[in-house]
């Protein structure tokens, strides 16, 4: 149909928990399928957030950056556009 890219919503994970979230295998399969179809994945990354009111803004920003870095490191062979 002339499509060359696929937008993938990806929710990150908080690094102080499990380093590899349960969704990692699903994301990998999805990205592999997109790649094998000749399409380019464009990932819209959003962090998982905490509802703990004691977490301050700088801590939340650090968690977001850590989560994004972990996702980029894990999927950098398949995702070039975030």
PDB file of N, CA and C in Angstrom:
ATOM      1  N   UNK A   1       0.828  -1.198   0.000  1.00  0.00           N
ATOM      2  CA  UNK A   1       0.000   0.000   0.000  1.00  0.00           C
ATOM      3  C   UNK A   1       0.861   1.247   0.000  1.00  0.00           C
ATOM      4  N   UNK A   2       2.147   1.103  -0.215  1.00  0.00           N
ATOM      5  CA  UNK A   2       3.021   2.263  -0.252  1.00  0.00           C
ATOM      6  C   UNK A   2       3.488   2.734   1.103  1.00  0.00           C
ATOM      7  N   UNK A   3       3.196   1.984   2.141  1.00  0.00           N
ATOM      8  CA  UNK A   3       3.635   2.380   3.476  1.00  0.00           C
ATOM      9  C   UNK A   3       5.078   1.948   3.689  1.00  0.00           C
ATOM     10  N   UNK A   4       5.874   2.842   4.258  1.00  0.00           N
ATOM     11  CA  UNK A   4       7.267   2.498   4.486  1.00  0.00           C
ATOM     12  C   UNK A   4       7.655   2.469   5.949  1.00  0.00           C
ATOM     13  N   UNK A   5       6.722   2.820   6.828  1.00  0.00           N
ATOM     14  CA  UNK A   5       7.051   2.856   8.252  1.00  0.00           C
ATOM     15  C   UNK A   5       5.852   2.379   9.067  1.00  0.00           C
ATOM     16  N   UNK A   6       6.142   1.980  10.282  1.00  0.00           N
ATOM     17  CA  UNK A   6       5.094   1.548  11.213  1.00  0.00           C
ATOM     18  C   UNK A   6       5.343   2.218  12.553  1.00  0.00           C
ATOM     19  N   UNK A   7       4.333   2.889  13.082  1.00  0.00           N
ATOM     20  CA  UNK A   7       4.446   3.545  14.390  1.00  0.00           C
ATOM     21  C   UNK A   7       4.153   2.513  15.468  1.00  0.00           C
ATOM     22  N   UNK A   8       5.075   2.410  16.410  1.00  0.00           N
ATOM     23  CA  UNK A   8       4.948   1.429  17.479  1.00  0.00           C
ATOM     24  C   UNK A   8       4.912   2.162  18.818  1.00  0.00           C
ATOM     25  N   UNK A   9       3.807   2.051  19.553  1.00  0.00           N
ATOM     26  CA  UNK A   9       3.799   2.628  20.893  1.00  0.00           C
ATOM     27  C   UNK A   9       4.554   1.694  21.844  1.00  0.00           C
ATOM     28  N   UNK A  10       5.528   2.228  22.528  1.00  0.00           N
ATOM     29  CA  UNK A  10       6.318   1.413  23.445  1.00  0.00           C
ATOM     30  C   UNK A  10       6.330   2.094  24.814  1.00  0.00           C
ATOM     31  N   UNK A  11       5.907   1.357  25.809  1.00  0.00           N
ATOM     32  CA  UNK A  11       5.963   1.881  27.163  1.00  0.00           C
ATOM     33  C   UNK A  11       7.202   1.335  27.836  1.00  0.00           C
ATOM     34  N   UNK A  12       7.969   2.223  28.411  1.00  0.00           N
ATOM     35  CA  UNK A  12       9.195   1.826  29.083  1.00  0.00           C
ATOM     36  C   UNK A  12       8.934   1.198  30.435  1.00  0.00           C
ATOM     37  N   UNK A  13       9.981   0.989  31.169  1.00  0.00           N
ATOM     38  CA  UNK A  13       9.870   0.361  32.468  1.00  0.00           C
ATOM     39  C   UNK A  13      10.776   1.093  33.449  1.00  0.00           C
ATOM     40  N   UNK A  14      10.438   0.998  34.689  1.00  0.00           N
ATOM     41  CA  UNK A  14      11.252   1.652  35.707  1.00  0.00           C
ATOM     42  C   UNK A  14      12.473   0.793  35.987  1.00  0.00           C
ATOM     43  N   UNK A  15      13.671   1.357  35.850  1.00  0.00           N
ATOM     44  CA  UNK A  15      14.887   0.566  35.956  1.00  0.00           C
ATOM     45  C   UNK A  15      15.126  -0.074  37.315  1.00  0.00           C
ATOM     46  N   UNK A  16      14.544   0.456  38.388  1.00  0.00           N
ATOM     47  CA  UNK A  16      14.807  -0.157  39.686  1.00  0.00           C
ATOM     48  C   UNK A  16      14.047  -1.463  39.859  1.00  0.00           C
ATOM     49  N   UNK A  17      13.179  -1.767  38.918  1.00  0.00           N
ATOM     50  CA  UNK A  17      12.482  -3.047  38.942  1.00  0.00           C
ATOM     51  C   UNK A  17      13.234  -4.042  38.080  1.00  0.00           C
ATOM     52  N   UNK A  18      12.482  -4.867  37.401  1.00  0.00           N
ATOM     53  CA  UNK A  18      13.063  -5.863  36.503  1.00  0.00           C
ATOM     54  C   UNK A  18      13.730  -5.140  35.335  1.00  0.00           C
ATOM     55  N   UNK A  19      15.004  -5.418  35.082  1.00  0.00           N
ATOM     56  CA  UNK A  19      15.741  -4.755  34.013  1.00  0.00           C
ATOM     57  C   UNK A  19      15.127  -5.068  32.655  1.00  0.00           C
ATOM     58  N   UNK A  20      14.630  -6.264  32.478  1.00  0.00           N
ATOM     59  CA  UNK A  20      13.972  -6.648  31.234  1.00  0.00           C
ATOM     60  C   UNK A  20      12.492  -6.867  31.530  1.00  0.00           C
ATOM     61  N   UNK A  21      11.629  -5.994  31.010  1.00  0.00           N
ATOM     62  CA  UNK A  21      10.203  -6.136  31.310  1.00  0.00           C
ATOM     63  C   UNK A  21       9.610  -7.356  30.599  1.00  0.00           C
ATOM     64  N   UNK A  22       8.489  -7.856  31.073  1.00  0.00           N
ATOM     65  CA  UNK A  22       7.848  -9.005  30.435  1.00  0.00           C
ATOM     66  C   UNK A  22       7.487  -8.748  28.975  1.00  0.00           C
ATOM     67  N   UNK A  23       7.270  -7.476  28.623  1.00  0.00           N
ATOM     68  CA  UNK A  23       6.876  -7.120  27.260  1.00  0.00           C
ATOM     69  C   UNK A  23       8.038  -7.150  26.272  1.00  0.00           C
ATOM     70  N   UNK A  24       9.264  -7.320  26.752  1.00  0.00           N
ATOM     71  CA  UNK A  24      10.439  -7.240  25.885  1.00  0.00           C
ATOM     72  C   UNK A  24      10.381  -8.242  24.736  1.00  0.00           C
ATOM     73  N   UNK A  25       9.977  -9.456  24.995  1.00  0.00           N
ATOM     74  CA  UNK A  25       9.898 -10.473  23.931  1.00  0.00           C
ATOM     75  C   UNK A  25       8.843 -10.097  22.905  1.00  0.00           C
ATOM     76  N   UNK A  26       7.727  -9.546  23.357  1.00  0.00           N
ATOM     77  CA  UNK A  26       6.669  -9.123  22.442  1.00  0.00           C
ATOM     78  C   UNK A  26       7.153  -7.989  21.554  1.00  0.00           C
ATOM     79  N   UNK A  27       7.830  -6.994  22.152  1.00  0.00           N
ATOM     80  CA  UNK A  27       8.384  -5.891  21.363  1.00  0.00           C
ATOM     81  C   UNK A  27       9.380  -6.411  20.333  1.00  0.00           C
ATOM     82  N   UNK A  28      10.245  -7.335  20.743  1.00  0.00           N
ATOM     83  CA  UNK A  28      11.255  -7.864  19.826  1.00  0.00           C
ATOM     84  C   UNK A  28      10.599  -8.570  18.652  1.00  0.00           C
ATOM     85  N   UNK A  29       9.578  -9.381  18.923  1.00  0.00           N
ATOM     86  CA  UNK A  29       8.860 -10.077  17.857  1.00  0.00           C
ATOM     87  C   UNK A  29       8.192  -9.088  16.910  1.00  0.00           C
ATOM     88  N   UNK A  30       7.547  -8.071  17.467  1.00  0.00           N
ATOM     89  CA  UNK A  30       6.891  -7.056  16.655  1.00  0.00           C
ATOM     90  C   UNK A  30       7.907  -6.313  15.785  1.00  0.00           C
ATOM     91  N   UNK A  31       9.018  -5.897  16.374  1.00  0.00           N
ATOM     92  CA  UNK A  31      10.046  -5.183  15.619  1.00  0.00           C
ATOM     93  C   UNK A  31      10.666  -6.067  14.544  1.00  0.00           C
ATOM     94  N   UNK A  32      10.875  -7.333  14.836  1.00  0.00           N
ATOM     95  CA  UNK A  32      11.401  -8.272  13.835  1.00  0.00           C
ATOM     96  C   UNK A  32      10.426  -8.429  12.666  1.00  0.00           C
ATOM     97  N   UNK A  33       9.140  -8.512  12.967  1.00  0.00           N
ATOM     98  CA  UNK A  33       8.118  -8.644  11.923  1.00  0.00           C
ATOM     99  C   UNK A  33       8.076  -7.403  11.042  1.00  0.00           C
ATOM    100  N   UNK A  34       8.126  -6.235  11.661  1.00  0.00           N
ATOM    101  CA  UNK A  34       8.134  -4.989  10.900  1.00  0.00           C
ATOM    102  C   UNK A  34       9.358  -4.929   9.999  1.00  0.00           C
ATOM    103  N   UNK A  35      10.507  -5.270  10.557  1.00  0.00           N
ATOM    104  CA  UNK A  35      11.756  -5.232   9.793  1.00  0.00           C
ATOM    105  C   UNK A  35      11.716  -6.223   8.625  1.00  0.00           C
ATOM    106  N   UNK A  36      11.233  -7.421   8.858  1.00  0.00           N
ATOM    107  CA  UNK A  36      11.197  -8.427   7.798  1.00  0.00           C
ATOM    108  C   UNK A  36      10.197  -8.070   6.699  1.00  0.00           C
ATOM    109  N   UNK A  37       9.253  -7.204   7.010  1.00  0.00           N
ATOM    110  CA  UNK A  37       8.295  -6.726   6.017  1.00  0.00           C
ATOM    111  C   UNK A  37       8.853  -5.586   5.181  1.00  0.00           C
ATOM    112  N   UNK A  38      10.081  -5.162   5.501  1.00  0.00           N
ATOM    113  CA  UNK A  38      10.703  -4.074   4.760  1.00  0.00           C
ATOM    114  C   UNK A  38      10.272  -2.693   5.222  1.00  0.00           C
ATOM    115  N   UNK A  39       9.611  -2.640   6.350  1.00  0.00           N
ATOM    116  CA  UNK A  39       9.152  -1.355   6.886  1.00  0.00           C
ATOM    117  C   UNK A  39      10.127  -0.867   7.945  1.00  0.00           C
ATOM    118  N   UNK A  40      10.037   0.408   8.249  1.00  0.00           N
ATOM    119  CA  UNK A  40      10.864   1.023   9.277  1.00  0.00           C
ATOM    120  C   UNK A  40      10.001   1.320  10.498  1.00  0.00           C
ATOM    121  N   UNK A  41      10.368   0.805  11.666  1.00  0.00           N
ATOM    122  CA  UNK A  41       9.588   1.139  12.862  1.00  0.00           C
ATOM    123  C   UNK A  41       9.948   2.534  13.375  1.00  0.00           C
ATOM    124  N   UNK A  42       8.934   3.273  13.761  1.00  0.00           N
ATOM    125  CA  UNK A  42       9.104   4.556  14.434  1.00  0.00           C
ATOM    126  C   UNK A  42       8.469   4.373  15.798  1.00  0.00           C
ATOM    127  N   UNK A  43       9.276   4.428  16.845  1.00  0.00           N
ATOM    128  CA  UNK A  43       8.783   4.118  18.181  1.00  0.00           C
ATOM    129  C   UNK A  43       8.393   5.392  18.929  1.00  0.00           C
ATOM    130  N   UNK A  44       7.167   5.402  19.425  1.00  0.00           N
ATOM    131  CA  UNK A  44       6.685   6.475  20.289  1.00  0.00           C
ATOM    132  C   UNK A  44       6.843   5.971  21.720  1.00  0.00           C
ATOM    133  N   UNK A  45       7.886   6.436  22.383  1.00  0.00           N
ATOM    134  CA  UNK A  45       8.243   5.938  23.705  1.00  0.00           C
ATOM    135  C   UNK A  45       7.594   6.772  24.797  1.00  0.00           C
ATOM    136  N   UNK A  46       6.949   6.106  25.715  1.00  0.00           N
ATOM    137  CA  UNK A  46       6.441   6.764  26.914  1.00  0.00           C
ATOM    138  C   UNK A  46       6.892   5.944  28.117  1.00  0.00           C
ATOM    139  N   UNK A  47       7.288   6.604  29.171  1.00  0.00           N
ATOM    140  CA  UNK A  47       7.751   5.862  30.340  1.00  0.00           C
ATOM    141  C   UNK A  47       6.580   5.336  31.156  1.00  0.00           C
ATOM    142  N   UNK A  48       6.845   4.285  31.891  1.00  0.00           N
ATOM    143  CA  UNK A  48       5.928   3.872  32.930  1.00  0.00           C
ATOM    144  C   UNK A  48       6.158   4.845  34.065  1.00  0.00           C
ATOM    145  N   UNK A  49       5.124   5.302  34.673  1.00  0.00           N
ATOM    146  CA  UNK A  49       5.295   6.293  35.735  1.00  0.00           C
ATOM    147  C   UNK A  49       4.917   5.705  37.081  1.00  0.00           C
ATOM    148  N   UNK A  50       5.478   6.287  38.084  1.00  0.00           N
ATOM    149  CA  UNK A  50       5.153   5.872  39.438  1.00  0.00           C
ATOM    150  C   UNK A  50       4.040   6.756  39.986  1.00  0.00           C
ATOM    151  N   UNK A  51       3.232   6.213  40.857  1.00  0.00           N
ATOM    152  CA  UNK A  51       2.180   7.006  41.480  1.00  0.00           C
ATOM    153  C   UNK A  51       2.587   7.382  42.901  1.00  0.00           C
ATOM    154  N   UNK A  52       3.833   7.160  43.217  1.00  0.00           N
ATOM    155  CA  UNK A  52       4.346   7.482  44.544  1.00  0.00           C
ATOM    156  C   UNK A  52       4.524   8.994  44.654  1.00  0.00           C
ATOM    157  N   UNK A  53       3.731   9.670  45.480  1.00  0.00           N
ATOM    158  CA  UNK A  53       3.831  11.129  45.581  1.00  0.00           C
ATOM    159  C   UNK A  53       5.145  11.604  46.204  1.00  0.00           C
ATOM    160  N   UNK A  54       5.898  10.689  46.809  1.00  0.00           N
ATOM    161  CA  UNK A  54       7.161  11.104  47.414  1.00  0.00           C
ATOM    162  C   UNK A  54       8.284  11.226  46.388  1.00  0.00           C
ATOM    163  N   UNK A  55       8.058  10.761  45.150  1.00  0.00           N
ATOM    164  CA  UNK A  55       9.073  10.870  44.107  1.00  0.00           C
ATOM    165  C   UNK A  55       9.038  12.286  43.551  1.00  0.00           C
ATOM    166  N   UNK A  56      10.160  12.964  43.640  1.00  0.00           N
ATOM    167  CA  UNK A  56      10.209  14.343  43.166  1.00  0.00           C
ATOM    168  C   UNK A  56      10.440  14.404  41.661  1.00  0.00           C
ATOM    169  N   UNK A  57      10.346  15.598  41.102  1.00  0.00           N
ATOM    170  CA  UNK A  57      10.450  15.781  39.648  1.00  0.00           C
ATOM    171  C   UNK A  57      11.801  15.330  39.109  1.00  0.00           C
ATOM    172  N   UNK A  58      12.882  15.614  39.824  1.00  0.00           N
ATOM    173  CA  UNK A  58      14.198  15.206  39.316  1.00  0.00           C
ATOM    174  C   UNK A  58      14.341  13.687  39.321  1.00  0.00           C
ATOM    175  N   UNK A  59      13.757  13.018  40.305  1.00  0.00           N
ATOM    176  CA  UNK A  59      13.774  11.553  40.339  1.00  0.00           C
ATOM    177  C   UNK A  59      12.952  10.988  39.177  1.00  0.00           C
ATOM    178  N   UNK A  60      11.799  11.581  38.925  1.00  0.00           N
ATOM    179  CA  UNK A  60      10.959  11.129  37.812  1.00  0.00           C
ATOM    180  C   UNK A  60      11.680  11.318  36.477  1.00  0.00           C
ATOM    181  N   UNK A  61      12.380  12.435  36.303  1.00  0.00           N
ATOM    182  CA  UNK A  61      13.146  12.684  35.073  1.00  0.00           C
ATOM    183  C   UNK A  61      14.270  11.665  34.922  1.00  0.00           C
ATOM    184  N   UNK A  62      14.941  11.353  36.020  1.00  0.00           N
ATOM    185  CA  UNK A  62      16.016  10.353  35.985  1.00  0.00           C
ATOM    186  C   UNK A  62      15.460   8.983  35.590  1.00  0.00           C
ATOM    187  N   UNK A  63      14.321   8.608  36.156  1.00  0.00           N
ATOM    188  CA  UNK A  63      13.707   7.326  35.826  1.00  0.00           C
ATOM    189  C   UNK A  63      13.316   7.273  34.358  1.00  0.00           C
ATOM    190  N   UNK A  64      12.795   8.390  33.830  1.00  0.00           N
ATOM    191  CA  UNK A  64      12.432   8.443  32.412  1.00  0.00           C
ATOM    192  C   UNK A  64      13.670   8.246  31.538  1.00  0.00           C
ATOM    193  N   UNK A  65      14.730   8.978  31.825  1.00  0.00           N
ATOM    194  CA  UNK A  65      15.956   8.874  31.027  1.00  0.00           C
ATOM    195  C   UNK A  65      16.579   7.484  31.136  1.00  0.00           C
ATOM    196  N   UNK A  66      16.584   6.912  32.334  1.00  0.00           N
ATOM    197  CA  UNK A  66      17.121   5.562  32.515  1.00  0.00           C
ATOM    198  C   UNK A  66      16.300   4.540  31.725  1.00  0.00           C
ATOM    199  N   UNK A  67      14.983   4.696  31.754  1.00  0.00           N
ATOM    200  CA  UNK A  67      14.098   3.787  31.045  1.00  0.00           C
ATOM    201  C   UNK A  67      14.283   3.910  29.532  1.00  0.00           C
ATOM    202  N   UNK A  68      14.359   5.143  29.034  1.00  0.00           N
ATOM    203  CA  UNK A  68      14.571   5.363  27.608  1.00  0.00           C
ATOM    204  C   UNK A  68      15.922   4.811  27.167  1.00  0.00           C
ATOM    205  N   UNK A  69      16.955   5.048  27.957  1.00  0.00           N
ATOM    206  CA  UNK A  69      18.291   4.535  27.636  1.00  0.00           C
ATOM    207  C   UNK A  69      18.287   3.010  27.574  1.00  0.00           C
ATOM    208  N   UNK A  70      17.620   2.374  28.528  1.00  0.00           N
ATOM    209  CA  UNK A  70      17.548   0.909  28.538  1.00  0.00           C
ATOM    210  C   UNK A  70      16.820   0.388  27.291  1.00  0.00           C
ATOM    211  N   UNK A  71      15.731   1.052  26.891  1.00  0.00           N
ATOM    212  CA  UNK A  71      14.995   0.622  25.696  1.00  0.00           C
ATOM    213  C   UNK A  71      15.825   0.817  24.434  1.00  0.00           C
ATOM    214  N   UNK A  72      16.482   1.970  24.325  1.00  0.00           N
ATOM    215  CA  UNK A  72      17.325   2.233  23.146  1.00  0.00           C
ATOM    216  C   UNK A  72      18.457   1.219  23.062  1.00  0.00           C
ATOM    217  N   UNK A  73      19.102   0.941  24.179  1.00  0.00           N
ATOM    218  CA  UNK A  73      20.187  -0.038  24.175  1.00  0.00           C
ATOM    219  C   UNK A  73      19.696  -1.428  23.782  1.00  0.00           C
ATOM    220  N   UNK A  74      18.523  -1.783  24.219  1.00  0.00           N
ATOM    221  CA  UNK A  74      17.991  -3.119  23.920  1.00  0.00           C
ATOM    222  C   UNK A  74      17.571  -3.262  22.456  1.00  0.00           C
ATOM    223  N   UNK A  75      16.967  -2.219  21.883  1.00  0.00           N
ATOM    224  CA  UNK A  75      16.373  -2.327  20.546  1.00  0.00           C
ATOM    225  C   UNK A  75      17.101  -1.506  19.480  1.00  0.00           C
ATOM    226  N   UNK A  76      18.285  -1.029  19.750  1.00  0.00           N
ATOM    227  CA  UNK A  76      18.956  -0.138  18.801  1.00  0.00           C
ATOM    228  C   UNK A  76      19.271  -0.786  17.458  1.00  0.00           C
ATOM    229  N   UNK A  77      19.338  -2.105  17.413  1.00  0.00           N
ATOM    230  CA  UNK A  77      19.589  -2.771  16.124  1.00  0.00           C
ATOM    231  C   UNK A  77      18.349  -2.777  15.240  1.00  0.00           C
ATOM    232  N   UNK A  78      17.174  -2.537  15.812  1.00  0.00           N
ATOM    233  CA  UNK A  78      15.921  -2.557  15.051  1.00  0.00           C
ATOM    234  C   UNK A  78      15.244  -1.194  14.936  1.00  0.00           C
ATOM    235  N   UNK A  79      15.545  -0.267  15.842  1.00  0.00           N
ATOM    236  CA  UNK A  79      14.854   1.027  15.854  1.00  0.00           C
ATOM    237  C   UNK A  79      15.873   2.141  15.675  1.00  0.00           C
ATOM    238  N   UNK A  80      15.676   2.933  14.629  1.00  0.00           N
ATOM    239  CA  UNK A  80      16.573   4.069  14.369  1.00  0.00           C
ATOM    240  C   UNK A  80      15.893   5.390  14.658  1.00  0.00           C
ATOM    241  N   UNK A  81      14.562   5.383  14.741  1.00  0.00           N
ATOM    242  CA  UNK A  81      13.815   6.611  14.974  1.00  0.00           C
ATOM    243  C   UNK A  81      12.920   6.453  16.198  1.00  0.00           C
ATOM    244  N   UNK A  82      13.184   7.304  17.173  1.00  0.00           N
ATOM    245  CA  UNK A  82      12.426   7.274  18.418  1.00  0.00           C
ATOM    246  C   UNK A  82      11.603   8.525  18.509  1.00  0.00           C
TER     247      UNK A  82
END
